[in-house]
Amino acid sequence: MWKITTDLESAKKISVCSQDFDEAQAPRLIHRFRLLDGDRIPYYEGVSDDATSQRAFGPLDDFGEGYAGCAFIEYLENGKWSPL
């Protein structure tokens, strides 16, 4: 489950969610991620309930690639952005 919260290009808050998003389960979204284009420029930030399994690619697979042309996803780990 994931939710995109910020469009970094326009510096606006947005709300784009995975199909399985459940507001009652939102407190489980504890992993911060960002979606980047092929030049590694970040375009979106959000939160996810998973940062290590194949499901951690969900924001990129479900939204980033097709809608925004993003090519990479990174998760914030110990204060540093790390690619999957």
N, C-alpha and C. Protein backbone atom coordinates (compact mmCIF):
# COMPACT_ATOMS: atom_id res chain seq x y z
N MET A 1 0.85 -1.17 0.00
CA MET A 1 0.00 0.00 0.00
C MET A 1 0.90 1.24 0.00
N TRP A 2 0.55 2.24 -0.79
CA TRP A 2 1.36 3.45 -0.88
C TRP A 2 0.49 4.66 -1.18
N LYS A 3 1.08 5.83 -0.96
CA LYS A 3 0.41 7.10 -1.24
C LYS A 3 1.45 8.13 -1.65
N ILE A 4 1.25 8.77 -2.77
CA ILE A 4 2.12 9.86 -3.20
C ILE A 4 1.55 11.14 -2.59
N THR A 5 2.40 11.89 -1.91
CA THR A 5 1.95 13.04 -1.14
C THR A 5 2.40 14.38 -1.70
N THR A 6 3.48 14.39 -2.50
CA THR A 6 4.04 15.67 -2.95
C THR A 6 4.50 15.59 -4.40
N ASP A 7 4.09 16.57 -5.18
CA ASP A 7 4.60 16.77 -6.54
C ASP A 7 5.74 17.76 -6.40
N LEU A 8 6.97 17.30 -6.51
CA LEU A 8 8.13 18.15 -6.27
C LEU A 8 8.33 19.20 -7.35
N GLU A 9 7.88 18.92 -8.56
CA GLU A 9 8.04 19.87 -9.66
C GLU A 9 7.21 21.13 -9.42
N SER A 10 5.99 20.96 -8.91
CA SER A 10 5.13 22.11 -8.66
C SER A 10 5.13 22.51 -7.18
N ALA A 11 5.81 21.74 -6.35
CA ALA A 11 5.88 21.98 -4.91
C ALA A 11 4.49 22.01 -4.29
N LYS A 12 3.61 21.12 -4.76
CA LYS A 12 2.25 21.04 -4.25
C LYS A 12 2.00 19.68 -3.61
N LYS A 13 1.13 19.71 -2.61
CA LYS A 13 0.67 18.48 -1.98
C LYS A 13 -0.34 17.82 -2.92
N ILE A 14 -0.23 16.52 -3.08
CA ILE A 14 -1.18 15.76 -3.89
C ILE A 14 -1.55 14.49 -3.13
N SER A 15 -2.53 13.78 -3.63
CA SER A 15 -2.93 12.53 -3.01
C SER A 15 -3.27 11.52 -4.09
N VAL A 16 -2.29 10.69 -4.43
CA VAL A 16 -2.47 9.60 -5.38
C VAL A 16 -2.15 8.33 -4.62
N CYS A 17 -3.08 7.38 -4.62
CA CYS A 17 -2.93 6.19 -3.78
C CYS A 17 -2.97 4.90 -4.59
N SER A 18 -2.41 3.86 -4.01
CA SER A 18 -2.50 2.53 -4.61
C SER A 18 -3.95 2.05 -4.55
N GLN A 19 -4.27 1.08 -5.39
CA GLN A 19 -5.64 0.57 -5.43
C GLN A 19 -6.05 -0.07 -4.11
N ASP A 20 -5.10 -0.60 -3.37
CA ASP A 20 -5.42 -1.25 -2.09
C ASP A 20 -5.34 -0.28 -0.90
N PHE A 21 -5.22 1.02 -1.18
CA PHE A 21 -5.10 2.00 -0.10
C PHE A 21 -6.36 1.99 0.76
N ASP A 22 -6.15 1.99 2.07
CA ASP A 22 -7.24 2.03 3.05
C ASP A 22 -6.86 3.07 4.10
N GLU A 23 -7.64 4.11 4.21
CA GLU A 23 -7.34 5.21 5.14
C GLU A 23 -7.16 4.69 6.57
N ALA A 24 -7.90 3.66 6.94
CA ALA A 24 -7.78 3.09 8.28
C ALA A 24 -6.40 2.46 8.50
N GLN A 25 -5.74 2.05 7.42
CA GLN A 25 -4.42 1.44 7.51
C GLN A 25 -3.28 2.43 7.25
N ALA A 26 -3.62 3.69 7.03
CA ALA A 26 -2.62 4.71 6.70
C ALA A 26 -1.47 4.81 7.71
N PRO A 27 -1.69 4.56 9.00
CA PRO A 27 -0.55 4.62 9.94
C PRO A 27 0.56 3.61 9.62
N ARG A 28 0.28 2.60 8.81
CA ARG A 28 1.30 1.63 8.41
C ARG A 28 2.26 2.18 7.35
N LEU A 29 1.94 3.32 6.79
CA LEU A 29 2.77 3.92 5.73
C LEU A 29 3.93 4.67 6.39
N ILE A 30 4.97 3.93 6.71
CA ILE A 30 6.07 4.50 7.50
C ILE A 30 7.37 4.67 6.69
N HIS A 31 7.37 4.20 5.45
CA HIS A 31 8.58 4.27 4.63
C HIS A 31 8.45 5.38 3.58
N ARG A 32 9.33 6.37 3.65
CA ARG A 32 9.31 7.47 2.68
C ARG A 32 10.03 7.06 1.41
N PHE A 33 9.44 7.43 0.27
CA PHE A 33 10.06 7.15 -1.02
C PHE A 33 9.99 8.37 -1.91
N ARG A 34 10.77 8.34 -2.98
CA ARG A 34 10.67 9.37 -4.01
C ARG A 34 10.85 8.70 -5.37
N LEU A 35 10.20 9.26 -6.36
CA LEU A 35 10.26 8.76 -7.74
C LEU A 35 11.10 9.72 -8.56
N LEU A 36 12.04 9.17 -9.35
CA LEU A 36 12.98 9.97 -10.11
C LEU A 36 12.91 9.62 -11.60
N ASP A 37 13.25 10.60 -12.43
CA ASP A 37 13.28 10.34 -13.87
C ASP A 37 14.63 9.70 -14.25
N GLY A 38 14.84 9.49 -15.53
CA GLY A 38 16.06 8.85 -16.01
C GLY A 38 17.34 9.62 -15.72
N ASP A 39 17.22 10.92 -15.49
CA ASP A 39 18.38 11.75 -15.13
C ASP A 39 18.55 11.83 -13.61
N ARG A 40 17.77 11.03 -12.90
CA ARG A 40 17.79 10.98 -11.43
C ARG A 40 17.31 12.28 -10.78
N ILE A 41 16.42 12.97 -11.45
CA ILE A 41 15.78 14.16 -10.88
C ILE A 41 14.50 13.70 -10.19
N PRO A 42 14.33 13.99 -8.89
CA PRO A 42 13.13 13.56 -8.18
C PRO A 42 11.90 14.39 -8.58
N TYR A 43 10.78 13.70 -8.80
CA TYR A 43 9.54 14.37 -9.20
C TYR A 43 8.42 14.21 -8.18
N TYR A 44 8.40 13.11 -7.46
CA TYR A 44 7.33 12.85 -6.50
C TYR A 44 7.91 12.24 -5.23
N GLU A 45 7.23 12.52 -4.11
CA GLU A 45 7.55 11.87 -2.85
C GLU A 45 6.27 11.27 -2.28
N GLY A 46 6.45 10.25 -1.46
CA GLY A 46 5.30 9.62 -0.84
C GLY A 46 5.71 8.69 0.28
N VAL A 47 4.75 7.88 0.71
CA VAL A 47 4.97 6.93 1.80
C VAL A 47 4.41 5.57 1.40
N SER A 48 5.03 4.53 1.96
CA SER A 48 4.65 3.15 1.63
C SER A 48 4.70 2.30 2.89
N ASP A 49 4.03 1.15 2.83
CA ASP A 49 4.08 0.22 3.96
C ASP A 49 5.18 -0.82 3.78
N ASP A 50 5.95 -0.72 2.69
CA ASP A 50 6.99 -1.72 2.39
C ASP A 50 8.15 -1.03 1.68
N ALA A 51 9.36 -1.34 2.10
CA ALA A 51 10.54 -0.75 1.46
C ALA A 51 11.56 -1.80 1.04
N THR A 52 11.21 -3.08 1.14
CA THR A 52 12.22 -4.10 0.87
C THR A 52 11.77 -5.20 -0.09
N SER A 53 10.50 -5.50 -0.18
CA SER A 53 10.05 -6.60 -1.04
C SER A 53 9.73 -6.08 -2.45
N GLN A 54 9.29 -6.96 -3.31
CA GLN A 54 8.90 -6.57 -4.67
C GLN A 54 7.78 -5.54 -4.66
N ARG A 55 6.94 -5.57 -3.63
CA ARG A 55 5.83 -4.61 -3.51
C ARG A 55 6.35 -3.18 -3.33
N ALA A 56 7.59 -3.01 -2.90
CA ALA A 56 8.15 -1.68 -2.71
C ALA A 56 8.28 -0.92 -4.03
N PHE A 57 8.25 -1.65 -5.15
CA PHE A 57 8.30 -1.01 -6.46
C PHE A 57 6.92 -0.53 -6.92
N GLY A 58 5.89 -0.81 -6.16
CA GLY A 58 4.52 -0.46 -6.53
C GLY A 58 4.31 0.98 -6.99
N PRO A 59 4.80 1.96 -6.25
CA PRO A 59 4.59 3.34 -6.69
C PRO A 59 5.20 3.63 -8.07
N LEU A 60 6.35 3.05 -8.34
CA LEU A 60 7.00 3.23 -9.64
C LEU A 60 6.23 2.47 -10.72
N ASP A 61 5.91 1.21 -10.45
CA ASP A 61 5.22 0.37 -11.44
C ASP A 61 3.81 0.87 -11.73
N ASP A 62 3.07 1.23 -10.69
CA ASP A 62 1.65 1.58 -10.84
C ASP A 62 1.41 3.02 -11.27
N PHE A 63 2.33 3.91 -10.94
CA PHE A 63 2.11 5.34 -11.22
C PHE A 63 3.29 6.00 -11.93
N GLY A 64 4.46 5.88 -11.37
CA GLY A 64 5.62 6.64 -11.81
C GLY A 64 6.03 6.44 -13.25
N GLU A 65 6.13 5.19 -13.69
CA GLU A 65 6.60 4.92 -15.06
C GLU A 65 5.59 5.39 -16.10
N GLY A 66 4.37 4.95 -15.97
CA GLY A 66 3.37 5.24 -17.00
C GLY A 66 2.86 6.67 -17.00
N TYR A 67 2.63 7.23 -15.83
CA TYR A 67 2.05 8.56 -15.75
C TYR A 67 3.10 9.67 -15.84
N ALA A 68 4.22 9.48 -15.16
CA ALA A 68 5.18 10.57 -15.01
C ALA A 68 6.51 10.34 -15.70
N GLY A 69 6.70 9.19 -16.31
CA GLY A 69 7.96 8.91 -16.99
C GLY A 69 9.12 8.70 -16.04
N CYS A 70 8.83 8.32 -14.82
CA CYS A 70 9.89 8.06 -13.85
C CYS A 70 10.54 6.71 -14.14
N ALA A 71 11.80 6.59 -13.76
CA ALA A 71 12.56 5.37 -14.03
C ALA A 71 13.16 4.73 -12.78
N PHE A 72 13.19 5.47 -11.67
CA PHE A 72 13.82 4.97 -10.45
C PHE A 72 12.97 5.30 -9.24
N ILE A 73 13.12 4.47 -8.20
CA ILE A 73 12.50 4.74 -6.90
C ILE A 73 13.58 4.61 -5.84
N GLU A 74 13.55 5.51 -4.88
CA GLU A 74 14.48 5.48 -3.76
C GLU A 74 13.69 5.57 -2.46
N TYR A 75 14.21 4.89 -1.45
CA TYR A 75 13.59 4.94 -0.12
C TYR A 75 14.57 5.60 0.85
N LEU A 76 14.01 6.35 1.80
CA LEU A 76 14.83 7.02 2.81
C LEU A 76 15.19 6.02 3.90
N GLU A 77 16.48 5.76 4.06
CA GLU A 77 16.99 4.84 5.07
C GLU A 77 18.07 5.52 5.87
N ASN A 78 17.86 5.65 7.15
CA ASN A 78 18.84 6.28 8.04
C ASN A 78 19.26 7.66 7.55
N GLY A 79 18.29 8.43 7.08
CA GLY A 79 18.56 9.80 6.64
C GLY A 79 19.16 9.94 5.26
N LYS A 80 19.27 8.83 4.52
CA LYS A 80 19.89 8.86 3.18
C LYS A 80 18.97 8.17 2.18
N TRP A 81 18.83 8.76 0.98
CA TRP A 81 18.02 8.15 -0.07
C TRP A 81 18.79 6.99 -0.69
N SER A 82 18.16 5.82 -0.73
CA SER A 82 18.80 4.61 -1.27
C SER A 82 17.94 4.00 -2.36
N PRO A 83 18.54 3.69 -3.51
CA PRO A 83 17.78 3.07 -4.59
C PRO A 83 17.45 1.62 -4.26
N LEU A 84 16.34 1.15 -4.83
CA LEU A 84 16.01 -0.28 -4.69
C LEU A 84 16.78 -1.06 -5.71
